[in-house]
Each structure stands twice: as C-alpha cells, then as structure tokens.
C-alpha atoms as a PDB file:
ATOM      1  CA  MET A   1     100.521 119.785 103.945  1.00  0.00           C
ATOM      2  CA  LYS A   2      98.975 123.018 105.041  1.00  0.00           C
ATOM      3  CA  ASN A   3      96.057 124.458 103.214  1.00  0.00           C
ATOM      4  CA  SER A   4      96.435 123.616  99.344  1.00  0.00           C
ATOM      5  CA  GLU A   5      94.590 127.436  98.473  1.00  0.00           C
ATOM      6  CA  ASN A   6      97.882 128.821  99.990  1.00  0.00           C
ATOM      7  CA  ILE A   7     100.007 126.677  97.522  1.00  0.00           C
ATOM      8  CA  ASN A   8     101.047 127.622  94.343  1.00  0.00           C
ATOM      9  CA  TRP A   9     103.157 126.191  91.452  1.00  0.00           C
ATOM     10  CA  ARG A  10     104.574 128.563  88.958  1.00  0.00           C
ATOM     11  CA  LYS A  11     107.619 129.021  86.711  1.00  0.00           C
ATOM     12  CA  ALA A  12     110.829 130.340  89.007  1.00  0.00           C
ATOM     13  CA  ASN A  13     112.587 133.440  88.547  1.00  0.00           C
ATOM     14  CA  VAL A  14     115.943 134.626  88.975  1.00  0.00           C
ATOM     15  CA  SER A  15     114.972 136.212  92.411  1.00  0.00           C
ATOM     16  CA  ASP A  16     114.153 132.738  93.309  1.00  0.00           C
ATOM     17  CA  SER A  17     117.495 131.285  92.571  1.00  0.00           C
ATOM     18  CA  GLU A  18     119.112 131.478  96.005  1.00  0.00           C
ATOM     19  CA  LYS A  19     116.314 129.833  97.520  1.00  0.00           C
ATOM     20  CA  ILE A  20     116.427 127.285  95.030  1.00  0.00           C
ATOM     21  CA  TRP A  21     120.412 126.612  95.755  1.00  0.00           C
ATOM     22  CA  GLU A  22     119.320 126.082  99.519  1.00  0.00           C
ATOM     23  CA  ILE A  23     116.972 123.719  98.460  1.00  0.00           C
ATOM     24  CA  LEU A  24     119.263 122.024  96.371  1.00  0.00           C
ATOM     25  CA  GLN A  25     121.960 121.633  99.071  1.00  0.00           C
ATOM     26  CA  GLN A  26     119.676 120.374 101.376  1.00  0.00           C
ATOM     27  CA  ALA A  27     117.898 117.371  99.427  1.00  0.00           C
ATOM     28  CA  ILE A  28     121.745 116.529  98.233  1.00  0.00           C
ATOM     29  CA  LYS A  29     122.570 116.466 101.873  1.00  0.00           C
ATOM     30  CA  ARG A  30     119.759 114.265 102.092  1.00  0.00           C
ATOM     31  CA  ARG A  31     120.318 111.934  99.558  1.00  0.00           C
ATOM     32  CA  LYS A  32     124.042 111.393 101.061  1.00  0.00           C
ATOM     33  CA  ASN A  33     122.523 110.967 104.528  1.00  0.00           C
ATOM     34  CA  ASP A  34     119.994 108.244 103.215  1.00  0.00           C
ATOM     35  CA  GLY A  35     122.928 106.522 101.841  1.00  0.00           C
ATOM     36  CA  SER A  36     121.999 107.662  98.161  1.00  0.00           C
ATOM     37  CA  ARG A  37     124.667 108.289  95.523  1.00  0.00           C
ATOM     38  CA  GLN A  38     122.403 110.767  93.794  1.00  0.00           C
ATOM     39  CA  TRP A  39     123.924 114.435  93.178  1.00  0.00           C
ATOM     40  CA  GLN A  40     127.014 113.138  95.265  1.00  0.00           C
ATOM     41  CA  ASP A  41     129.410 114.522  92.239  1.00  0.00           C
ATOM     42  CA  GLY A  42     128.796 118.231  92.180  1.00  0.00           C
ATOM     43  CA  TYR A  43     125.452 118.262  90.196  1.00  0.00           C
ATOM     44  CA  PRO A  44     123.249 120.305  90.103  1.00  0.00           C
ATOM     45  CA  ASN A  45     124.627 123.045  91.003  1.00  0.00           C
ATOM     46  CA  GLN A  46     124.177 126.932  91.026  1.00  0.00           C
ATOM     47  CA  GLN A  47     125.336 127.254  87.429  1.00  0.00           C
ATOM     48  CA  THR A  48     122.128 124.144  86.657  1.00  0.00           C
ATOM     49  CA  VAL A  49     119.643 126.638  88.907  1.00  0.00           C
ATOM     50  CA  LYS A  50     120.878 129.898  86.358  1.00  0.00           C
ATOM     51  CA  THR A  51     120.602 127.717  83.449  1.00  0.00           C
ATOM     52  CA  ASP A  52     117.206 126.541  84.185  1.00  0.00           C
ATOM     53  CA  ILE A  53     115.854 129.690  84.933  1.00  0.00           C
ATOM     54  CA  GLU A  54     117.095 131.278  81.892  1.00  0.00           C
ATOM     55  CA  TRP A  55     115.819 128.908  79.683  1.00  0.00           C
ATOM     56  CA  GLY A  56     112.515 128.903  81.301  1.00  0.00           C
ATOM     57  CA  ILE A  57     112.396 125.397  82.541  1.00  0.00           C
ATOM     58  CA  GLY A  58     112.280 126.046  86.639  1.00  0.00           C
ATOM     59  CA  TYR A  59     109.634 125.757  88.450  1.00  0.00           C
ATOM     60  CA  VAL A  60     108.976 126.445  91.976  1.00  0.00           C
ATOM     61  CA  LEU A  61     106.177 125.151  94.705  1.00  0.00           C
ATOM     62  CA  THR A  62     105.196 128.054  96.759  1.00  0.00           C
ATOM     63  CA  GLU A  63     103.386 127.963 100.363  1.00  0.00           C
ATOM     64  CA  ASN A  64     102.137 131.353 101.386  1.00  0.00           C
ATOM     65  CA  GLU A  65     104.469 132.839  98.606  1.00  0.00           C
ATOM     66  CA  ASP A  66     107.455 131.356 100.046  1.00  0.00           C
ATOM     67  CA  VAL A  67     109.355 128.858  97.845  1.00  0.00           C
ATOM     68  CA  VAL A  68     108.994 125.447  99.123  1.00  0.00           C
ATOM     69  CA  ALA A  69     110.193 123.160  96.569  1.00  0.00           C
ATOM     70  CA  TYR A  70     111.970 122.953  93.145  1.00  0.00           C
ATOM     71  CA  SER A  71     111.800 120.865  89.602  1.00  0.00           C
ATOM     72  CA  ALA A  72     112.629 121.503  86.186  1.00  0.00           C
ATOM     73  CA  ILE A  73     110.240 120.334  83.342  1.00  0.00           C
ATOM     74  CA  LEU A  74     111.686 120.107  79.548  1.00  0.00           C
ATOM     75  CA  LEU A  75     109.476 118.945  76.695  1.00  0.00           C
ATOM     76  CA  ASN A  76     111.159 116.581  74.392  1.00  0.00           C
ATOM     77  CA  ASP A  77     114.465 117.698  75.303  1.00  0.00           C
ATOM     78  CA  GLU A  78     116.313 114.599  77.383  1.00  0.00           C
ATOM     79  CA  PRO A  79     119.173 112.891  74.816  1.00  0.00           C
ATOM     80  CA  ALA A  80     120.309 109.952  77.039  1.00  0.00           C
ATOM     81  CA  TYR A  81     116.246 109.131  76.676  1.00  0.00           C
ATOM     82  CA  ASP A  82     117.041 108.312  73.896  1.00  0.00           C
ATOM     83  CA  LYS A  83     119.110 105.451  74.456  1.00  0.00           C
ATOM     84  CA  ILE A  84     117.245 103.699  76.726  1.00  0.00           C
ATOM     85  CA  VAL A  85     117.802 100.096  77.268  1.00  0.00           C
ATOM     86  CA  GLY A  86     114.383  98.994  77.789  1.00  0.00           C
ATOM     87  CA  LYS A  87     111.325 100.503  75.903  1.00  0.00           C
ATOM     88  CA  TRP A  88     109.007 103.764  76.910  1.00  0.00           C
ATOM     89  CA  LEU A  89     105.812 103.565  76.851  1.00  0.00           C
ATOM     90  CA  THR A  90     104.607 106.206  74.078  1.00  0.00           C
ATOM     91  CA  GLU A  91     106.816 107.765  71.523  1.00  0.00           C
ATOM     92  CA  GLY A  92     105.153 110.983  71.182  1.00  0.00           C
ATOM     93  CA  ASP A  93     105.711 114.469  73.078  1.00  0.00           C
ATOM     94  CA  PHE A  94     106.551 114.216  76.412  1.00  0.00           C
ATOM     95  CA  HIS A  95     107.935 116.140  79.791  1.00  0.00           C
ATOM     96  CA  VAL A  96     110.937 115.301  81.143  1.00  0.00           C
ATOM     97  CA  VAL A  97     110.908 115.939  84.894  1.00  0.00           C
ATOM     98  CA  HIS A  98     114.411 116.677  86.759  1.00  0.00           C
ATOM     99  CA  ARG A  99     115.786 118.204  89.938  1.00  0.00           C
ATOM    100  CA  VAL A 100     112.903 117.542  92.401  1.00  0.00           C
ATOM    101  CA  ALA A 101     113.765 118.712  95.319  1.00  0.00           C
ATOM    102  CA  VAL A 102     112.025 119.827  98.568  1.00  0.00           C
ATOM    103  CA  ALA A 103     112.824 122.050 101.287  1.00  0.00           C
ATOM    104  CA  ASP A 104     113.743 120.379 104.581  1.00  0.00           C
ATOM    105  CA  SER A 105     111.370 121.979 106.492  1.00  0.00           C
ATOM    106  CA  VAL A 106     108.527 120.717 104.225  1.00  0.00           C
ATOM    107  CA  ALA A 107     110.476 117.173 103.466  1.00  0.00           C
ATOM    108  CA  GLY A 108     108.080 113.829 103.824  1.00  0.00           C
ATOM    109  CA  LYS A 109     104.856 116.176 103.784  1.00  0.00           C
ATOM    110  CA  GLY A 110     103.995 115.075 100.565  1.00  0.00           C
ATOM    111  CA  TYR A 111     105.130 118.214  98.408  1.00  0.00           C
ATOM    112  CA  ALA A 112     106.882 116.128  96.235  1.00  0.00           C
ATOM    113  CA  THR A 113     103.778 114.500  94.987  1.00  0.00           C
ATOM    114  CA  LYS A 114     101.967 117.935  95.114  1.00  0.00           C
ATOM    115  CA  ILE A 115     104.678 118.842  92.437  1.00  0.00           C
ATOM    116  CA  PHE A 116     104.231 115.814  90.459  1.00  0.00           C
ATOM    117  CA  SER A 117     100.766 116.715  90.644  1.00  0.00           C
ATOM    118  CA  LYS A 118     101.014 120.076  89.363  1.00  0.00           C
ATOM    119  CA  ILE A 119     103.170 119.090  86.373  1.00  0.00           C
ATOM    120  CA  GLU A 120     100.937 116.922  85.319  1.00  0.00           C
ATOM    121  CA  GLU A 121      97.645 119.485  85.073  1.00  0.00           C
ATOM    122  CA  PHE A 122     100.523 121.414  83.376  1.00  0.00           C
ATOM    123  CA  SER A 123     101.139 118.981  80.887  1.00  0.00           C
ATOM    124  CA  ARG A 124      97.598 118.267  80.410  1.00  0.00           C
ATOM    125  CA  ALA A 125      97.061 121.909  79.555  1.00  0.00           C
ATOM    126  CA  LYS A 126      99.774 121.771  77.082  1.00  0.00           C
ATOM    127  CA  ASP A 127      98.376 118.579  74.986  1.00  0.00           C
ATOM    128  CA  VAL A 128     101.154 116.331  76.655  1.00  0.00           C
ATOM    129  CA  PHE A 129     100.106 113.207  77.953  1.00  0.00           C
ATOM    130  CA  SER A 130     103.343 111.417  78.699  1.00  0.00           C
ATOM    131  CA  ILE A 131     106.020 112.369  81.876  1.00  0.00           C
ATOM    132  CA  LYS A 132     109.243 110.792  81.395  1.00  0.00           C
ATOM    133  CA  VAL A 133     111.533 111.070  84.700  1.00  0.00           C
ATOM    134  CA  ASP A 134     114.703 108.974  86.116  1.00  0.00           C
ATOM    135  CA  THR A 135     116.251 108.564  89.000  1.00  0.00           C
ATOM    136  CA  ASN A 136     119.019 106.590  91.034  1.00  0.00           C
ATOM    137  CA  PHE A 137     118.432 102.656  92.220  1.00  0.00           C
ATOM    138  CA  ASP A 138     119.047 103.702  95.579  1.00  0.00           C
ATOM    139  CA  ASN A 139     116.840 106.970  95.648  1.00  0.00           C
ATOM    140  CA  GLY A 140     114.104 104.943  97.713  1.00  0.00           C
ATOM    141  CA  ALA A 141     111.902 108.551  98.476  1.00  0.00           C
ATOM    142  CA  MET A 142     111.886 109.126  94.688  1.00  0.00           C
ATOM    143  CA  LEU A 143     111.164 105.498  93.575  1.00  0.00           C
ATOM    144  CA  HIS A 144     108.533 105.163  96.771  1.00  0.00           C
ATOM    145  CA  ILE A 145     106.850 108.414  95.025  1.00  0.00           C
ATOM    146  CA  LEU A 146     106.445 107.493  91.606  1.00  0.00           C
ATOM    147  CA  GLN A 147     105.339 104.017  92.562  1.00  0.00           C
ATOM    148  CA  LYS A 148     102.626 105.479  94.670  1.00  0.00           C
ATOM    149  CA  LEU A 149     101.436 107.873  91.755  1.00  0.00           C
ATOM    150  CA  GLY A 150     101.599 104.964  88.625  1.00  0.00           C
ATOM    151  CA  TYR A 151     104.938 105.717  86.764  1.00  0.00           C
ATOM    152  CA  ALA A 152     105.747 102.888  85.253  1.00  0.00           C
ATOM    153  CA  TYR A 153     109.146 101.492  84.992  1.00  0.00           C
ATOM    154  CA  CYS A 154     110.987 101.190  81.436  1.00  0.00           C
ATOM    155  CA  GLY A 155     114.087 100.764  81.944  1.00  0.00           C
ATOM    156  CA  LYS A 156     117.527 102.268  82.279  1.00  0.00           C
ATOM    157  CA  VAL A 157     119.373 105.312  80.915  1.00  0.00           C
ATOM    158  CA  TYR A 158     122.851 106.674  81.595  1.00  0.00           C
ATOM    159  CA  PHE A 159     123.779 110.158  82.832  1.00  0.00           C
ATOM    160  CA  ARG A 160     127.829 111.069  83.120  1.00  0.00           C
ATOM    161  CA  GLY A 161     128.537 107.515  83.430  1.00  0.00           C
ATOM    162  CA  ALA A 162     125.948 105.944  85.669  1.00  0.00           C
ATOM    163  CA  GLU A 163     122.849 103.888  85.265  1.00  0.00           C
ATOM    164  CA  ARG A 164     119.603 105.371  85.685  1.00  0.00           C
ATOM    165  CA  LEU A 165     116.339 103.953  85.970  1.00  0.00           C
ATOM    166  CA  ALA A 166     113.602 105.399  84.212  1.00  0.00           C
ATOM    167  CA  TYR A 167     110.109 105.398  84.765  1.00  0.00           C
ATOM    168  CA  GLU A 168     107.216 107.050  82.203  1.00  0.00           C
ATOM    169  CA  LYS A 169     103.489 108.054  83.000  1.00  0.00           C
ATOM    170  CA  VAL A 170     100.975 108.230  80.301  1.00  0.00           C
ATOM    171  CA  LEU A 171      98.135 110.688  81.653  1.00  0.00           C
ATOM    172  CA  GLN A 172      94.519 109.922  81.019  1.00  0.00           C
END
C-alpha cells in the first residue's frame, strides 16, 4: 500500500457509481477465477450500487482521490442474521459489512484490510462495538482477512438459498 496519507475513506456518492460498478465487476471475475461461487448469480449488480448510494450505506476507499475499493455498511439491518445456525457473540447494536471489493490494480496489497480498519474506526465513533460479516465457504481471500483481523466464526446464515459463513468481531 502506498503512502497512507493519500488514502481516505468516505461515503460514496452518485459520481462514484461507475467506478464502484467497475470494481465490483473486477471482484466478481476474481471470485470466479478463484473457483468461488460467491457473486456468480447476478448479485451484486448496478442496481445494488444505486440503492447503496441512495440509502447512504455505500463507502469508498480512495487513494489520491481515485476510488480503489468499496463496501456497504448497515446498522442492525440484516434479516438473515436473525436466523443464524449458531450464535452471535453479542446481541446489541452492530454494523453489517457487505460487498467488500477492491480494484484489480490494488488487489492483494492490503486495501481490503484497510477498509476493515476504517470500518472499525467508524463503528467506534458511532458507539457500535460489534461488526458482523458473512462470506462464502470458498472465498479464500475474505476468509483469510477475517481470520487475520480476529473475527470469530459464529455459525451459518442463508442468502438466496445459499449457505454463508458468519463472523463477528467485538471491538474494544
């Protein structure tokens, strides 16, 4: 990762839409090339990006003002998490992280980890001390990041009929 002084995290806006969709398409292709079934069913799509921005839940990581990574962050809003096969670590307020994607130009260079770091800072600033996330069993890159960052495996959740591994991190 380059000089972190030039790296910022902010709410996505409409003018970011095209770049966000490009980054998501690159990530979708990477998942496929890695043998993962995650994001191979038409989701996420351009409407997802539009909705994220309209609802104010889309966030971008920029480097020298260029969008290089994307994620969506929701507060207490993931109905599938209510039906976890397992048990969450906490029961209070939580942020949900969805659609973490980095541009091909920065893939494998620590930018996804930087997104999670920014999300943790954001959560603490909002007095939210739990972050929950899910991923496919075959998304090795995300599983590695979650393990490295201290996320605890809590069980399984289901989206669109597919099983996902659910993780939580309790912030200090």
